[in-house]
Amino acid sequence: MNAEVLVVQGPGLANTQVDWLAGRVRATRVERGDATSARLHGALRDADIAAYCAEAGLDWGYVAADARFADFRLVAMDMDSTLITIECIDEIADMVGIKPEVAAITTAAMRGEIEFRESLARRVALLAGLEEAALARVYDERLQLSPGADALLERCRDTGAKTLLVSGGFTFFTDRLKARLGLDYTLSNVLAAEGGRLAGRVVGNIVDAQGKAAEVRRVREALGLAQREVLVLGDGANDLAMMAEAGVSIAYRAKPVVRERASYALSHVGLDGVLRLFR
C-alpha cells in the first residue's frame, strides 16, 4: 500500500489541532505549509478524523504521498458556485423580483431533487420579457471569482494543464470568463432573445449532467489523456456525472450528495485548497 499524507486545511488552523490529528494518525512528520494548512506524512487511516474535522470546521483528505498537481493535464470545472460565487440565473431573476422563487428551484436541482432539464426550463421561462441588458448588469455588478480561483488557474497555466469550464448556465457568462481568464474550453447553454428581451427558453441542446460528462470525455479523448490525468470540480448533483469522468473529483462548497461521492471535499477553504492537496 502506498504511503499517504493527511492534508488538513482551514482558516486559522491551530497547532493544537494539528498536534491532535498527528497523534491520531500516527504521523511520522508534520509539514506546516502556511497558517491554513498542514500535511501529516505517513498518516494511518482513522475513523475519528471526519467527525473531528467536521466539528472543527476543517477540510481534510488522505492523498497519496507522491501525488502531484502537475500530473493533471485537464482541469474541468463547473461555473456557478464553483468558479464564481453566485448562481447567475438567481441573480438575473433578482432583476425582476423573483429571486426567491428561482433560487428555490436552483437549490432543489443542485440537491438532485428535480431533474436538471426540468429545473432549467422552469427557471428560464420565468425570465421571459427581461431586457438582455440585465445579463450585463449581473456580470459587471455581481459576478465574483471564488476565493483562490486566480491561484488555481495560474498553476494550471504554469503546469500546462488545459482548462475546461462546463456549465448548465449561460454562454453570456462563460464566453466572458473564457476571454478574461484565458480558459481553453467552455460549454454552456444559449439563452434565446427576441427584440432585446429574453424569450424564456434555451436555444439548441441543453447542457445537463450528461452533456457536461460528454464534454469532459470529448476533451479528454481529444487531448489523448487517461482518466487519471483529469481533475474535475463541482458543487451540485448536476456535476456528478462529469466528476465520474475524472481521476480525481473535488466537491467545492457542495451539497451533501456531491461531498459523499467526490474524491475530496473543500467546504471551508478556497479553490487554492486544491493546490495544497498535492505536491
Protein backbone atom coordinates (compact mmCIF):
# COMPACT_ATOMS: atom_id res chain seq x y z
CA MET A 1 0.00 0.00 0.00
CA ASN A 2 1.35 3.42 -0.96
CA ALA A 3 2.17 5.86 1.83
CA GLU A 4 -0.42 8.53 2.40
CA VAL A 5 -0.41 12.11 3.57
CA LEU A 6 -3.33 13.53 5.54
CA VAL A 7 -3.86 17.08 4.29
CA VAL A 8 -5.80 19.31 6.67
CA GLN A 9 -6.95 22.82 5.79
CA GLY A 10 -8.99 25.54 7.41
CA PRO A 11 -8.97 29.24 8.31
CA GLY A 12 -6.65 29.74 11.26
CA LEU A 13 -5.69 26.08 11.57
CA ALA A 14 -4.26 25.87 15.10
CA ASN A 15 -1.12 23.99 16.10
CA THR A 16 -3.12 22.24 18.82
CA GLN A 17 -5.48 20.89 16.17
CA VAL A 18 -2.59 19.71 14.03
CA ASP A 19 -0.96 18.03 17.04
CA TRP A 20 -4.16 16.16 17.92
CA LEU A 21 -4.61 14.96 14.34
CA ALA A 22 -0.95 13.95 14.04
CA GLY A 23 -1.32 11.82 17.14
CA ARG A 24 -4.49 10.14 15.93
CA VAL A 25 -2.99 9.13 12.57
CA ARG A 26 0.48 8.41 13.98
CA ALA A 27 2.09 10.84 11.56
CA THR A 28 5.81 10.37 11.02
CA ARG A 29 6.32 14.01 10.04
CA VAL A 30 4.26 17.20 10.17
CA GLU A 31 4.69 19.85 7.50
CA ARG A 32 3.00 23.23 8.02
CA GLY A 33 2.56 24.94 4.67
CA ASP A 34 1.01 28.15 5.98
CA ALA A 35 -1.48 29.27 8.62
CA THR A 36 -4.30 27.43 6.84
CA SER A 37 -2.82 24.00 6.09
CA ALA A 38 -0.75 21.07 7.28
CA ARG A 39 0.48 17.86 5.67
CA LEU A 40 0.75 14.88 8.01
CA HIS A 41 3.12 12.38 6.43
CA GLY A 42 2.90 8.63 6.95
CA ALA A 43 -0.68 9.01 8.15
CA LEU A 44 -2.76 5.97 9.02
CA ARG A 45 -6.49 5.89 8.37
CA ASP A 46 -8.56 6.83 11.40
CA ALA A 47 -12.34 6.81 11.58
CA ASP A 48 -12.44 9.73 14.03
CA ILE A 49 -10.85 12.20 11.62
CA ALA A 50 -14.06 13.01 9.71
CA ALA A 51 -16.08 13.83 12.83
CA TYR A 52 -13.28 15.88 14.40
CA CYS A 53 -12.72 17.95 11.26
CA ALA A 54 -16.45 18.49 10.72
CA GLU A 55 -16.82 19.87 14.23
CA ALA A 56 -13.67 21.99 13.91
CA GLY A 57 -14.60 23.42 10.51
CA LEU A 58 -11.64 21.82 8.72
CA ASP A 59 -11.25 20.26 5.30
CA TRP A 60 -9.27 17.04 5.13
CA GLY A 61 -8.22 14.33 2.74
CA TYR A 62 -5.89 11.35 2.53
CA VAL A 63 -3.67 11.81 -0.51
CA ALA A 64 -1.01 9.54 -1.98
CA ALA A 65 2.36 10.88 -0.87
CA ASP A 66 3.62 11.06 -4.46
CA ALA A 67 0.50 12.72 -5.94
CA ARG A 68 1.42 15.88 -7.87
CA PHE A 69 -0.85 18.59 -9.23
CA ALA A 70 1.38 18.70 -12.32
CA ASP A 71 0.17 15.19 -13.22
CA PHE A 72 -3.27 16.59 -14.12
CA ARG A 73 -3.37 17.62 -17.75
CA LEU A 74 -7.02 18.72 -17.83
CA VAL A 75 -8.82 20.65 -15.09
CA ALA A 76 -12.57 20.88 -15.68
CA MET A 77 -14.92 22.86 -13.50
CA ASP A 78 -18.48 23.99 -13.06
CA MET A 79 -19.14 27.73 -13.16
CA ASP A 80 -21.94 28.79 -10.80
CA SER A 81 -21.00 28.50 -7.11
CA THR A 82 -17.72 26.84 -8.12
CA LEU A 83 -15.51 29.05 -10.28
CA ILE A 84 -17.69 32.01 -9.32
CA THR A 85 -19.51 32.79 -6.08
CA ILE A 86 -23.02 33.30 -7.47
CA GLU A 87 -25.73 31.39 -9.28
CA CYS A 88 -26.12 33.62 -12.34
CA ILE A 89 -29.72 32.66 -13.04
CA ASP A 90 -30.72 33.55 -9.48
CA GLU A 91 -29.14 36.99 -9.84
CA ILE A 92 -30.82 37.51 -13.22
CA ALA A 93 -34.13 36.65 -11.55
CA ASP A 94 -33.42 39.22 -8.86
CA MET A 95 -33.61 41.89 -11.55
CA VAL A 96 -37.34 41.18 -11.88
CA GLY A 97 -38.02 40.48 -8.23
CA ILE A 98 -38.40 36.70 -8.45
CA LYS A 99 -35.08 35.55 -7.00
CA PRO A 100 -36.60 33.52 -4.12
CA GLU A 101 -38.80 31.53 -6.49
CA VAL A 102 -35.99 30.83 -8.95
CA ALA A 103 -33.40 30.18 -6.24
CA ALA A 104 -35.66 27.56 -4.65
CA ILE A 105 -35.74 25.66 -7.95
CA THR A 106 -31.95 26.05 -8.32
CA THR A 107 -31.33 24.64 -4.85
CA ALA A 108 -33.65 21.69 -5.40
CA ALA A 109 -31.87 20.88 -8.67
CA MET A 110 -28.44 21.07 -7.03
CA ARG A 111 -29.61 18.65 -4.35
CA GLY A 112 -30.83 16.26 -7.03
CA GLU A 113 -34.48 16.66 -6.08
CA ILE A 114 -35.52 17.97 -9.51
CA GLU A 115 -34.20 16.75 -12.87
CA PHE A 116 -31.94 19.46 -14.28
CA ARG A 117 -33.66 19.86 -17.65
CA GLU A 118 -36.99 20.44 -15.95
CA SER A 119 -35.49 22.88 -13.46
CA LEU A 120 -33.73 24.89 -16.17
CA ALA A 121 -36.84 25.11 -18.35
CA ARG A 122 -38.94 26.28 -15.40
CA ARG A 123 -36.42 28.90 -14.33
CA VAL A 124 -35.70 30.26 -17.80
CA ALA A 125 -39.43 30.54 -18.54
CA LEU A 126 -39.81 32.83 -15.53
CA LEU A 127 -37.28 35.22 -17.09
CA ALA A 128 -39.30 35.82 -20.27
CA GLY A 129 -39.51 39.51 -21.16
CA LEU A 130 -36.47 40.60 -19.16
CA GLU A 131 -34.18 43.00 -21.02
CA GLU A 132 -30.91 41.40 -22.17
CA ALA A 133 -29.07 44.29 -20.53
CA ALA A 134 -29.80 42.63 -17.18
CA LEU A 135 -27.22 39.96 -18.02
CA ALA A 136 -24.50 42.57 -18.35
CA ARG A 137 -25.53 44.08 -15.01
CA VAL A 138 -25.17 40.71 -13.31
CA TYR A 139 -21.73 40.19 -14.86
CA ASP A 140 -20.49 43.69 -14.07
CA GLU A 141 -22.04 44.22 -10.64
CA ARG A 142 -22.42 40.80 -9.01
CA LEU A 143 -20.15 38.18 -10.55
CA GLN A 144 -17.03 37.49 -8.50
CA LEU A 145 -14.49 34.70 -8.74
CA SER A 146 -14.41 32.24 -5.88
CA PRO A 147 -11.54 32.71 -3.41
CA GLY A 148 -8.39 31.08 -4.71
CA ALA A 149 -9.63 30.83 -8.31
CA ASP A 150 -6.83 33.01 -9.67
CA ALA A 151 -4.19 30.91 -7.89
CA LEU A 152 -5.66 27.66 -9.23
CA LEU A 153 -5.81 28.93 -12.79
CA GLU A 154 -2.30 30.37 -12.59
CA ARG A 155 -0.95 26.98 -11.52
CA CYS A 156 -2.79 25.36 -14.43
CA ARG A 157 -1.02 27.74 -16.79
CA ASP A 158 2.32 27.07 -15.11
CA THR A 159 1.98 23.30 -15.46
CA GLY A 160 0.43 23.43 -18.93
CA ALA A 161 -2.85 21.86 -17.85
CA LYS A 162 -5.79 22.65 -20.12
CA THR A 163 -8.84 24.24 -18.52
CA LEU A 164 -12.49 23.49 -19.30
CA LEU A 165 -15.43 25.47 -17.94
CA VAL A 166 -18.56 23.38 -18.44
CA SER A 167 -21.80 24.81 -17.13
CA GLY A 168 -25.53 24.40 -17.04
CA GLY A 169 -25.52 28.21 -17.06
CA PHE A 170 -25.26 30.53 -20.00
CA THR A 171 -22.81 31.46 -22.74
CA PHE A 172 -23.15 35.16 -21.91
CA PHE A 173 -21.10 34.45 -18.79
CA THR A 174 -18.87 31.57 -19.88
CA ASP A 175 -17.74 33.41 -23.02
CA ARG A 176 -16.69 36.43 -20.99
CA LEU A 177 -14.94 34.34 -18.38
CA LYS A 178 -13.09 32.42 -21.09
CA ALA A 179 -11.70 35.65 -22.55
CA ARG A 180 -10.98 37.21 -19.16
CA LEU A 181 -9.28 34.19 -17.58
CA GLY A 182 -7.67 32.59 -20.63
CA LEU A 183 -9.64 29.34 -20.34
CA ASP A 184 -9.07 26.77 -23.06
CA TYR A 185 -12.60 25.38 -23.48
CA THR A 186 -16.13 26.30 -22.44
CA LEU A 187 -19.56 24.77 -22.89
CA SER A 188 -22.90 26.14 -21.66
CA ASN A 189 -26.46 26.98 -22.67
CA VAL A 190 -27.59 29.71 -25.05
CA LEU A 191 -30.44 31.95 -23.88
CA ALA A 192 -32.90 32.85 -26.62
CA ALA A 193 -33.66 36.55 -27.05
CA GLU A 194 -36.06 38.47 -29.23
CA GLY A 195 -36.07 42.23 -29.69
CA GLY A 196 -33.55 42.75 -26.91
CA ARG A 197 -35.54 40.74 -24.36
CA LEU A 198 -35.20 37.18 -23.09
CA ALA A 199 -37.61 34.79 -24.78
CA GLY A 200 -37.93 32.42 -21.85
CA ARG A 201 -36.24 29.45 -23.47
CA VAL A 202 -32.86 27.97 -24.33
CA VAL A 203 -31.59 27.58 -27.90
CA GLY A 204 -30.36 24.16 -29.02
CA ASN A 205 -29.31 21.26 -26.83
CA ILE A 206 -29.44 21.75 -23.08
CA VAL A 207 -26.16 21.21 -21.27
CA ASP A 208 -27.32 18.94 -18.47
CA ALA A 209 -25.44 16.40 -16.35
CA GLN A 210 -24.88 14.04 -19.25
CA GLY A 211 -23.92 16.90 -21.53
CA LYS A 212 -21.29 18.01 -19.04
CA ALA A 213 -19.92 14.48 -18.74
CA ALA A 214 -19.84 14.05 -22.51
CA GLU A 215 -17.86 17.28 -22.92
CA VAL A 216 -15.28 16.28 -20.31
CA ARG A 217 -14.95 12.92 -22.05
CA ARG A 218 -14.71 14.55 -25.51
CA VAL A 219 -11.97 16.96 -24.48
CA ARG A 220 -10.10 14.25 -22.57
CA GLU A 221 -10.12 11.97 -25.60
CA ALA A 222 -9.22 14.80 -27.99
CA LEU A 223 -6.16 15.53 -25.84
CA GLY A 224 -5.26 11.83 -25.67
CA LEU A 225 -5.40 11.77 -21.88
CA ALA A 226 -6.01 8.95 -19.44
CA GLN A 227 -8.80 9.37 -16.89
CA ARG A 228 -6.24 9.67 -14.09
CA GLU A 229 -4.92 12.86 -15.72
CA VAL A 230 -8.25 14.66 -15.33
CA LEU A 231 -9.36 16.72 -12.31
CA VAL A 232 -12.99 17.88 -12.06
CA LEU A 233 -14.55 20.35 -9.61
CA GLY A 234 -18.26 20.83 -8.97
CA ASP A 235 -20.85 21.58 -6.33
CA GLY A 236 -24.25 20.21 -7.39
CA ALA A 237 -25.92 16.96 -8.38
CA ASN A 238 -25.68 18.10 -11.99
CA ASP A 239 -21.89 17.73 -11.71
CA LEU A 240 -21.77 14.13 -10.52
CA ALA A 241 -21.70 12.57 -13.99
CA MET A 242 -18.74 14.66 -15.14
CA MET A 243 -16.95 14.07 -11.86
CA ALA A 244 -17.16 10.36 -12.60
CA GLU A 245 -15.17 11.00 -15.79
CA ALA A 246 -12.16 12.21 -13.78
CA GLY A 247 -9.34 10.53 -11.96
CA VAL A 248 -9.89 12.93 -9.05
CA SER A 249 -13.08 14.84 -8.26
CA ILE A 250 -13.43 17.69 -5.79
CA ALA A 251 -16.68 18.85 -4.23
CA TYR A 252 -16.31 22.59 -3.69
CA ARG A 253 -18.66 24.03 -1.05
CA ALA A 254 -21.03 21.41 -2.31
CA LYS A 255 -24.32 19.77 -1.48
CA PRO A 256 -24.11 16.61 0.70
CA VAL A 257 -24.84 14.24 -2.19
CA VAL A 258 -21.78 15.61 -4.01
CA ARG A 259 -19.48 15.61 -0.98
CA GLU A 260 -20.30 11.98 -0.34
CA ARG A 261 -19.27 10.86 -3.82
CA ALA A 262 -16.28 13.10 -4.56
CA SER A 263 -12.65 12.14 -4.02
CA TYR A 264 -12.22 15.18 -1.77
CA ALA A 265 -14.42 17.96 -0.38
CA LEU A 266 -13.42 21.57 0.22
CA SER A 267 -16.03 23.35 2.29
CA HIS A 268 -14.00 25.84 4.33
CA VAL A 269 -11.09 26.97 2.14
CA GLY A 270 -10.94 28.46 -1.34
CA LEU A 271 -10.14 26.87 -4.68
CA ASP A 272 -6.45 27.21 -3.92
CA GLY A 273 -7.08 24.43 -1.44
CA VAL A 274 -6.92 22.12 -4.46
CA LEU A 275 -3.25 23.00 -4.84
CA ARG A 276 -2.46 22.19 -1.20
CA LEU A 277 -3.79 18.67 -1.59
CA PHE A 278 -0.99 17.74 -3.95
CA ARG A 279 2.74 18.28 -4.19
